[in-house]
Amino acid sequence: MSSLSWLTDWFTQRDRAHVLYKRGMVCAQKHDHQAAVVFYTSALDVPEITPELTAMVLYNRGLVYVASGMAEQGAADLNAVLAMNEAGANVKKAAQQKLAKIESRTRHRV
């Protein structure tokens, strides 16, 4: 058994989603937007990801999209957070505030 197989078997599905989310956050802090999106998207693909973690991943991926100049994709993720019943109020509020900033910037450019 390779060490990679051993490591992946070590974590439960839920743990994998959390680890991928954390790796995405590290990449985002380093401004490695492409890698951050890959990790966040991989976390969302984990079958047993919790709704609360889904909301956080979508929110953070949305921020990365916006930071990398892909405001439309970012807005889609932030709107997905707002549509989630399970998303916490603080995450929804932050998503709403970021969407307002995106809209404001878009209006000023036109």
Protein backbone atom coordinates (compact mmCIF):
# COMPACT_ATOMS: atom_id res chain seq x y z
CA MET A 1 0.00 0.00 0.00
CA SER A 2 1.46 3.35 -1.01
CA SER A 3 1.74 6.11 1.56
CA LEU A 4 -0.73 8.18 -0.44
CA SER A 5 -3.32 5.37 -0.33
CA TRP A 6 -2.72 4.95 3.36
CA LEU A 7 -3.24 8.66 3.98
CA THR A 8 -6.42 8.87 1.95
CA ASP A 9 -7.85 5.83 3.76
CA TRP A 10 -6.96 7.41 7.08
CA PHE A 11 -9.42 10.25 6.68
CA THR A 12 -13.18 9.88 6.57
CA GLN A 13 -15.06 11.53 3.73
CA ARG A 14 -16.04 14.41 5.99
CA ASP A 15 -12.47 14.85 7.16
CA ARG A 16 -11.29 14.87 3.54
CA ALA A 17 -13.66 17.71 2.72
CA HIS A 18 -12.36 19.70 5.68
CA VAL A 19 -8.71 19.06 4.76
CA LEU A 20 -9.35 20.12 1.16
CA TYR A 21 -11.11 23.27 2.41
CA LYS A 22 -8.15 24.13 4.64
CA ARG A 23 -5.71 23.56 1.77
CA GLY A 24 -7.81 25.90 -0.36
CA MET A 25 -7.62 28.53 2.36
CA VAL A 26 -3.82 28.24 2.51
CA CYS A 27 -3.57 28.63 -1.26
CA ALA A 28 -5.94 31.61 -1.21
CA GLN A 29 -3.82 33.31 1.48
CA LYS A 30 -0.79 32.82 -0.77
CA HIS A 31 -2.76 34.31 -3.69
CA ASP A 32 -2.54 31.01 -5.58
CA HIS A 33 -6.09 31.39 -6.84
CA GLN A 34 -6.00 28.54 -9.32
CA ALA A 35 -4.91 25.99 -6.71
CA ALA A 36 -7.41 27.37 -4.19
CA VAL A 37 -10.27 26.88 -6.65
CA VAL A 38 -9.12 23.31 -7.32
CA PHE A 39 -9.05 22.47 -3.60
CA TYR A 40 -12.40 24.15 -2.90
CA THR A 41 -14.04 22.41 -5.85
CA SER A 42 -12.58 19.08 -4.73
CA ALA A 43 -14.02 19.64 -1.26
CA LEU A 44 -17.45 20.25 -2.77
CA ASP A 45 -17.16 16.96 -4.66
CA VAL A 46 -16.79 14.94 -1.43
CA PRO A 47 -20.05 13.00 -1.01
CA GLU A 48 -20.48 13.46 2.75
CA ILE A 49 -19.60 17.16 3.04
CA THR A 50 -21.78 18.86 5.61
CA PRO A 51 -24.11 21.66 4.53
CA GLU A 52 -22.32 24.09 6.86
CA LEU A 53 -18.95 23.28 5.29
CA THR A 54 -20.50 23.49 1.82
CA ALA A 55 -21.58 27.05 2.59
CA MET A 56 -18.11 28.02 3.79
CA VAL A 57 -16.42 26.42 0.79
CA LEU A 58 -18.76 28.16 -1.65
CA TYR A 59 -18.25 31.48 0.11
CA ASN A 60 -14.47 31.21 0.04
CA ARG A 61 -14.37 29.94 -3.53
CA GLY A 62 -16.57 32.88 -4.47
CA LEU A 63 -14.08 35.26 -2.87
CA VAL A 64 -11.21 33.65 -4.78
CA TYR A 65 -13.09 33.91 -8.05
CA VAL A 66 -13.73 37.60 -7.42
CA ALA A 67 -10.10 38.21 -6.43
CA SER A 68 -8.92 36.55 -9.64
CA GLY A 69 -11.16 38.70 -11.84
CA MET A 70 -13.97 36.21 -12.33
CA ALA A 71 -16.74 38.15 -10.63
CA GLU A 72 -19.54 36.30 -12.43
CA GLN A 73 -18.42 32.92 -11.09
CA GLY A 74 -17.85 34.45 -7.67
CA ALA A 75 -21.33 35.94 -7.64
CA ALA A 76 -22.78 32.55 -8.59
CA ASP A 77 -21.09 30.91 -5.59
CA LEU A 78 -22.16 33.71 -3.25
CA ASN A 79 -25.74 33.49 -4.50
CA ALA A 80 -25.62 29.72 -3.92
CA VAL A 81 -24.70 30.42 -0.29
CA LEU A 82 -27.69 32.75 0.04
CA ALA A 83 -29.98 30.06 -1.39
CA MET A 84 -28.87 27.48 1.20
CA ASN A 85 -31.22 27.02 4.14
CA GLU A 86 -28.43 25.37 6.13
CA ALA A 87 -25.92 28.22 5.73
CA GLY A 88 -25.24 30.12 8.92
CA ALA A 89 -26.51 33.67 9.27
CA ASN A 90 -22.96 35.04 9.49
CA VAL A 91 -21.94 33.36 6.22
CA LYS A 92 -25.09 34.59 4.49
CA LYS A 93 -24.52 38.13 5.75
CA ALA A 94 -20.90 38.11 4.52
CA ALA A 95 -22.00 36.73 1.13
CA GLN A 96 -24.66 39.44 0.83
CA GLN A 97 -22.11 42.15 1.65
CA LYS A 98 -19.65 40.83 -0.92
CA LEU A 99 -22.38 40.64 -3.56
CA ALA A 100 -23.28 44.27 -2.84
CA LYS A 101 -19.62 45.25 -3.41
CA ILE A 102 -19.51 43.31 -6.68
CA GLU A 103 -22.69 45.02 -7.86
CA SER A 104 -21.39 48.43 -6.84
CA ARG A 105 -18.12 47.92 -8.74
CA THR A 106 -19.99 46.69 -11.79
CA ARG A 107 -22.25 49.75 -11.83
CA HIS A 108 -19.29 52.13 -11.53
CA ARG A 109 -17.50 50.53 -14.50
CA VAL A 110 -20.43 50.92 -16.86
